[in-house]
């Protein structure tokens, strides 16, 4: 009788532990997806609708947003589409609160 209760207690403890483990594993994914949903609701601040400036050097192809002068794409010539920037996500990353190549952070101490 006592061994039966111990087995039931072990089974319940094991099930509870697995449930807590699953929650702990899945919780960051749920939070991460909500962050991008909040970002999508922010206003666009880069000015992508004004277009891009394109420059070519012997080594790189550079695309800069006309309105904000931030880097939209930086690709080495002849590398088959490799890009140093997340240009494929520029539309969602054009929202306020995200950092871009070309942003300046100014800190003053008094």
N, C-alpha and C. Protein backbone atom coordinates (compact mmCIF):
# COMPACT_ATOMS: atom_id res chain seq x y z
N UNK A 1 0.82 -1.19 0.00
CA UNK A 1 0.00 0.00 0.00
C UNK A 1 0.87 1.26 0.00
N UNK A 2 1.92 1.24 0.86
CA UNK A 2 2.79 2.41 0.93
C UNK A 2 3.58 2.59 -0.36
N UNK A 3 4.00 1.50 -0.97
CA UNK A 3 4.75 1.60 -2.22
C UNK A 3 3.87 2.13 -3.34
N UNK A 4 2.58 1.83 -3.31
CA UNK A 4 1.67 2.34 -4.30
C UNK A 4 1.52 3.85 -4.18
N UNK A 5 1.41 4.34 -2.95
CA UNK A 5 1.31 5.78 -2.72
C UNK A 5 2.59 6.49 -3.15
N UNK A 6 3.73 5.85 -2.89
CA UNK A 6 5.01 6.44 -3.28
C UNK A 6 5.10 6.54 -4.81
N UNK A 7 4.65 5.50 -5.51
CA UNK A 7 4.67 5.51 -6.96
C UNK A 7 3.76 6.60 -7.51
N UNK A 8 2.58 6.75 -6.91
CA UNK A 8 1.65 7.80 -7.34
C UNK A 8 2.25 9.18 -7.08
N UNK A 9 2.87 9.35 -5.92
CA UNK A 9 3.49 10.62 -5.59
C UNK A 9 4.63 10.92 -6.56
N UNK A 10 5.43 9.91 -6.87
CA UNK A 10 6.53 10.08 -7.82
C UNK A 10 6.00 10.47 -9.20
N UNK A 11 4.93 9.80 -9.62
CA UNK A 11 4.34 10.08 -10.93
C UNK A 11 3.79 11.50 -10.99
N UNK A 12 3.11 11.94 -9.94
CA UNK A 12 2.57 13.29 -9.89
C UNK A 12 3.70 14.31 -9.88
N UNK A 13 4.74 14.05 -9.10
CA UNK A 13 5.89 14.96 -9.03
C UNK A 13 6.58 15.04 -10.38
N UNK A 14 6.75 13.92 -11.05
CA UNK A 14 7.39 13.88 -12.36
C UNK A 14 6.56 14.65 -13.39
N UNK A 15 5.25 14.44 -13.38
CA UNK A 15 4.36 15.13 -14.31
C UNK A 15 4.38 16.64 -14.05
N UNK A 16 4.33 17.02 -12.79
CA UNK A 16 4.37 18.44 -12.43
C UNK A 16 5.71 19.06 -12.86
N UNK A 17 6.79 18.33 -12.66
CA UNK A 17 8.12 18.82 -13.07
C UNK A 17 8.22 19.00 -14.57
N UNK A 18 7.65 18.06 -15.33
CA UNK A 18 7.67 18.18 -16.78
C UNK A 18 6.82 19.36 -17.24
N UNK A 19 5.70 19.58 -16.59
CA UNK A 19 4.84 20.72 -16.93
C UNK A 19 5.57 22.04 -16.68
N UNK A 20 6.20 22.17 -15.53
CA UNK A 20 6.96 23.38 -15.21
C UNK A 20 8.11 23.56 -16.21
N UNK A 21 8.78 22.47 -16.57
CA UNK A 21 9.87 22.53 -17.54
C UNK A 21 9.41 23.03 -18.90
N UNK A 22 8.27 22.53 -19.36
CA UNK A 22 7.72 22.98 -20.64
C UNK A 22 7.36 24.46 -20.61
N UNK A 23 6.77 24.89 -19.53
CA UNK A 23 6.41 26.31 -19.39
C UNK A 23 7.66 27.17 -19.43
N UNK A 24 8.70 26.77 -18.71
CA UNK A 24 9.94 27.55 -18.68
C UNK A 24 10.62 27.59 -20.04
N UNK A 25 10.50 26.53 -20.81
CA UNK A 25 11.11 26.50 -22.14
C UNK A 25 10.32 27.36 -23.13
N UNK A 26 9.00 27.31 -23.07
CA UNK A 26 8.17 28.02 -24.04
C UNK A 26 7.93 29.48 -23.70
N UNK A 27 8.07 29.87 -22.46
CA UNK A 27 7.75 31.24 -22.04
C UNK A 27 8.57 32.30 -22.77
N UNK A 28 9.90 32.15 -22.93
CA UNK A 28 10.66 33.18 -23.67
C UNK A 28 10.19 33.35 -25.11
N UNK A 29 9.78 32.27 -25.77
CA UNK A 29 9.29 32.38 -27.15
C UNK A 29 8.01 33.20 -27.21
N UNK A 30 7.15 33.03 -26.24
CA UNK A 30 5.90 33.81 -26.19
C UNK A 30 6.22 35.28 -25.98
N UNK A 31 7.10 35.58 -25.06
CA UNK A 31 7.47 36.97 -24.80
C UNK A 31 8.16 37.60 -26.00
N UNK A 32 9.03 36.86 -26.67
CA UNK A 32 9.76 37.38 -27.83
C UNK A 32 8.81 37.76 -28.95
N UNK A 33 7.80 36.95 -29.21
CA UNK A 33 6.86 37.25 -30.28
C UNK A 33 6.02 38.49 -29.96
N UNK A 34 5.75 38.72 -28.70
CA UNK A 34 4.97 39.90 -28.32
C UNK A 34 5.77 41.18 -28.50
N UNK A 35 7.08 41.12 -28.36
CA UNK A 35 7.92 42.30 -28.55
C UNK A 35 7.80 42.80 -29.98
N UNK A 36 7.87 41.91 -30.97
CA UNK A 36 7.77 42.33 -32.36
C UNK A 36 6.38 42.84 -32.70
N UNK A 37 5.34 42.32 -32.05
CA UNK A 37 3.99 42.84 -32.28
C UNK A 37 3.88 44.27 -31.78
N UNK A 38 4.51 44.58 -30.64
CA UNK A 38 4.49 45.95 -30.14
C UNK A 38 5.29 46.88 -31.05
N UNK A 39 6.38 46.39 -31.60
CA UNK A 39 7.20 47.21 -32.49
C UNK A 39 6.44 47.54 -33.77
N UNK A 40 5.66 46.60 -34.29
CA UNK A 40 4.88 46.84 -35.51
C UNK A 40 3.89 47.98 -35.35
N UNK A 41 3.45 48.26 -34.13
CA UNK A 41 2.47 49.32 -33.89
C UNK A 41 3.12 50.70 -33.77
N UNK A 42 4.44 50.76 -33.69
CA UNK A 42 5.12 52.06 -33.58
C UNK A 42 5.17 52.74 -34.95
N UNK A 43 5.30 54.07 -34.96
CA UNK A 43 5.39 54.78 -36.25
C UNK A 43 6.74 54.55 -36.93
N UNK A 44 6.72 54.58 -38.27
CA UNK A 44 7.97 54.46 -39.02
C UNK A 44 8.71 55.80 -38.98
N UNK A 45 10.00 55.75 -38.72
CA UNK A 45 10.76 56.99 -38.57
C UNK A 45 11.93 57.12 -39.54
N UNK A 46 12.24 56.09 -40.32
CA UNK A 46 13.39 56.17 -41.23
C UNK A 46 13.07 56.93 -42.52
N UNK A 47 11.84 56.99 -42.91
CA UNK A 47 11.47 57.67 -44.15
C UNK A 47 11.75 56.82 -45.39
N UNK A 48 11.43 55.55 -45.33
CA UNK A 48 11.68 54.65 -46.46
C UNK A 48 10.89 55.06 -47.71
N UNK A 49 9.76 55.72 -47.52
CA UNK A 49 8.93 56.11 -48.66
C UNK A 49 9.63 57.13 -49.56
N UNK A 50 10.68 57.80 -49.06
CA UNK A 50 11.42 58.79 -49.86
C UNK A 50 12.50 58.14 -50.72
N UNK A 51 12.71 56.85 -50.55
CA UNK A 51 13.64 56.13 -51.42
C UNK A 51 15.02 55.94 -50.83
N UNK A 52 15.89 55.34 -51.66
CA UNK A 52 17.25 55.01 -51.24
C UNK A 52 18.26 55.65 -52.19
N UNK A 53 19.43 55.96 -51.66
CA UNK A 53 20.58 56.36 -52.47
C UNK A 53 21.48 55.14 -52.61
N UNK A 54 21.96 54.88 -53.82
CA UNK A 54 22.81 53.72 -54.05
C UNK A 54 24.19 54.16 -54.50
N UNK A 55 25.21 53.59 -53.87
CA UNK A 55 26.60 53.89 -54.19
C UNK A 55 27.34 52.58 -54.43
N UNK A 56 28.30 52.62 -55.36
CA UNK A 56 29.12 51.44 -55.63
C UNK A 56 30.58 51.82 -55.57
N UNK A 57 31.36 51.00 -54.89
CA UNK A 57 32.82 51.12 -54.85
C UNK A 57 33.36 49.82 -55.44
N UNK A 58 34.66 49.73 -55.67
CA UNK A 58 35.20 48.46 -56.16
C UNK A 58 34.97 47.30 -55.18
N UNK A 59 34.79 47.59 -53.91
CA UNK A 59 34.66 46.54 -52.89
C UNK A 59 33.22 46.30 -52.43
N UNK A 60 32.41 47.38 -52.35
CA UNK A 60 31.09 47.27 -51.73
C UNK A 60 30.02 47.97 -52.55
N UNK A 61 28.79 47.53 -52.32
CA UNK A 61 27.60 48.23 -52.80
C UNK A 61 26.87 48.71 -51.56
N UNK A 62 26.58 50.01 -51.50
CA UNK A 62 26.00 50.64 -50.31
C UNK A 62 24.67 51.28 -50.68
N UNK A 63 23.65 51.02 -49.87
CA UNK A 63 22.34 51.66 -50.04
C UNK A 63 22.04 52.43 -48.76
N UNK A 64 21.69 53.72 -48.93
CA UNK A 64 21.42 54.60 -47.79
C UNK A 64 20.01 55.16 -47.94
N UNK A 65 19.27 55.23 -46.85
CA UNK A 65 17.93 55.82 -46.85
C UNK A 65 18.08 57.33 -47.03
N UNK A 66 17.38 57.90 -48.02
CA UNK A 66 17.51 59.33 -48.32
C UNK A 66 17.14 60.21 -47.14
N UNK A 67 16.05 59.91 -46.48
CA UNK A 67 15.53 60.80 -45.44
C UNK A 67 16.38 60.80 -44.17
N UNK A 68 16.84 59.64 -43.74
CA UNK A 68 17.53 59.55 -42.45
C UNK A 68 19.03 59.31 -42.56
N UNK A 69 19.51 59.03 -43.77
CA UNK A 69 20.93 58.75 -44.03
C UNK A 69 21.46 57.59 -43.19
N UNK A 70 20.63 56.61 -42.94
CA UNK A 70 21.09 55.39 -42.28
C UNK A 70 21.31 54.32 -43.35
N UNK A 71 22.17 53.37 -43.05
CA UNK A 71 22.53 52.34 -44.02
C UNK A 71 21.38 51.34 -44.16
N UNK A 72 20.91 51.17 -45.38
CA UNK A 72 19.86 50.20 -45.65
C UNK A 72 20.45 48.85 -46.06
N UNK A 73 21.59 48.87 -46.75
CA UNK A 73 22.25 47.63 -47.17
C UNK A 73 23.72 47.89 -47.41
N UNK A 74 24.55 46.94 -47.04
CA UNK A 74 25.99 47.00 -47.27
C UNK A 74 26.43 45.61 -47.72
N UNK A 75 26.70 45.50 -49.04
CA UNK A 75 26.99 44.19 -49.62
C UNK A 75 28.34 44.20 -50.33
N UNK A 76 29.16 43.19 -50.10
CA UNK A 76 30.41 43.10 -50.87
C UNK A 76 30.11 42.73 -52.32
N UNK A 77 30.86 43.31 -53.24
CA UNK A 77 30.65 43.05 -54.66
C UNK A 77 31.04 41.60 -54.97
N UNK A 78 30.19 40.90 -55.68
CA UNK A 78 30.48 39.55 -56.14
C UNK A 78 30.37 38.46 -55.10
N UNK A 79 29.63 38.68 -54.03
CA UNK A 79 29.50 37.65 -53.00
C UNK A 79 28.13 36.96 -53.02
N UNK A 80 27.39 37.11 -54.07
CA UNK A 80 26.15 36.36 -54.22
C UNK A 80 25.05 36.71 -53.24
N UNK A 81 24.82 37.98 -52.97
CA UNK A 81 23.71 38.39 -52.13
C UNK A 81 23.99 38.47 -50.65
N UNK A 82 25.23 38.28 -50.21
CA UNK A 82 25.53 38.43 -48.79
C UNK A 82 25.37 39.89 -48.40
N UNK A 83 24.80 40.15 -47.24
CA UNK A 83 24.56 41.51 -46.76
C UNK A 83 24.99 41.61 -45.31
N UNK A 84 25.75 42.67 -44.99
CA UNK A 84 26.20 42.88 -43.61
C UNK A 84 25.09 43.43 -42.71
N UNK A 85 24.03 43.92 -43.30
CA UNK A 85 22.93 44.51 -42.54
C UNK A 85 21.68 43.65 -42.69
N UNK A 86 20.72 43.78 -41.80
CA UNK A 86 19.47 43.03 -41.95
C UNK A 86 18.51 43.73 -42.91
N UNK A 87 18.93 43.91 -44.16
CA UNK A 87 18.13 44.67 -45.13
C UNK A 87 16.81 43.98 -45.47
N UNK A 88 16.76 42.66 -45.33
CA UNK A 88 15.50 41.97 -45.61
C UNK A 88 14.44 42.27 -44.56
N UNK A 89 14.84 42.81 -43.44
CA UNK A 89 13.89 43.18 -42.37
C UNK A 89 13.80 44.70 -42.19
N UNK A 90 14.24 45.45 -43.19
CA UNK A 90 14.28 46.91 -43.06
C UNK A 90 12.89 47.50 -42.84
N UNK A 91 11.88 46.95 -43.48
CA UNK A 91 10.52 47.47 -43.34
C UNK A 91 10.04 47.42 -41.89
N UNK A 92 10.21 46.30 -41.21
CA UNK A 92 9.77 46.21 -39.81
C UNK A 92 10.74 46.94 -38.88
N UNK A 93 12.03 46.98 -39.25
CA UNK A 93 13.03 47.64 -38.41
C UNK A 93 13.05 49.15 -38.61
N UNK A 94 12.20 49.67 -39.48
CA UNK A 94 12.17 51.11 -39.70
C UNK A 94 11.38 51.84 -38.62
N UNK A 95 10.90 51.10 -37.67
CA UNK A 95 10.12 51.70 -36.58
C UNK A 95 11.03 52.35 -35.54
N UNK A 96 10.46 53.23 -34.77
CA UNK A 96 11.19 53.93 -33.72
C UNK A 96 11.61 52.96 -32.62
N UNK A 97 12.80 53.17 -32.06
CA UNK A 97 13.27 52.37 -30.94
C UNK A 97 14.27 51.29 -31.29
N UNK A 98 14.59 51.12 -32.58
CA UNK A 98 15.57 50.12 -33.01
C UNK A 98 16.83 50.82 -33.51
N UNK A 99 17.96 50.19 -33.34
CA UNK A 99 19.23 50.76 -33.77
C UNK A 99 19.53 50.35 -35.21
N UNK A 100 20.21 51.26 -35.93
CA UNK A 100 20.57 51.03 -37.32
C UNK A 100 22.02 51.44 -37.52
N UNK A 101 22.67 50.84 -38.51
CA UNK A 101 24.02 51.24 -38.87
C UNK A 101 23.96 52.68 -39.38
N UNK A 102 24.59 53.57 -38.70
CA UNK A 102 24.53 54.99 -39.03
C UNK A 102 23.89 55.80 -37.92
N UNK A 103 23.25 55.15 -36.97
CA UNK A 103 22.70 55.87 -35.82
C UNK A 103 23.83 56.36 -34.94
N UNK A 104 23.63 57.49 -34.34
CA UNK A 104 24.60 58.04 -33.40
C UNK A 104 23.98 58.04 -32.01
N UNK A 105 24.76 57.67 -31.03
CA UNK A 105 24.33 57.76 -29.65
C UNK A 105 25.17 58.83 -28.98
N UNK A 106 24.53 59.87 -28.52
CA UNK A 106 25.24 60.99 -27.90
C UNK A 106 24.97 60.96 -26.41
N UNK A 107 26.03 60.89 -25.63
CA UNK A 107 25.91 60.90 -24.17
C UNK A 107 26.76 62.03 -23.62
N UNK A 108 26.16 62.83 -22.79
CA UNK A 108 26.86 63.95 -22.18
C UNK A 108 26.91 63.77 -20.68
N UNK A 109 28.05 64.05 -20.10
CA UNK A 109 28.18 64.00 -18.64
C UNK A 109 28.43 65.41 -18.14
N UNK A 110 27.81 65.71 -17.03
CA UNK A 110 28.02 67.04 -16.45
C UNK A 110 28.69 66.93 -15.11
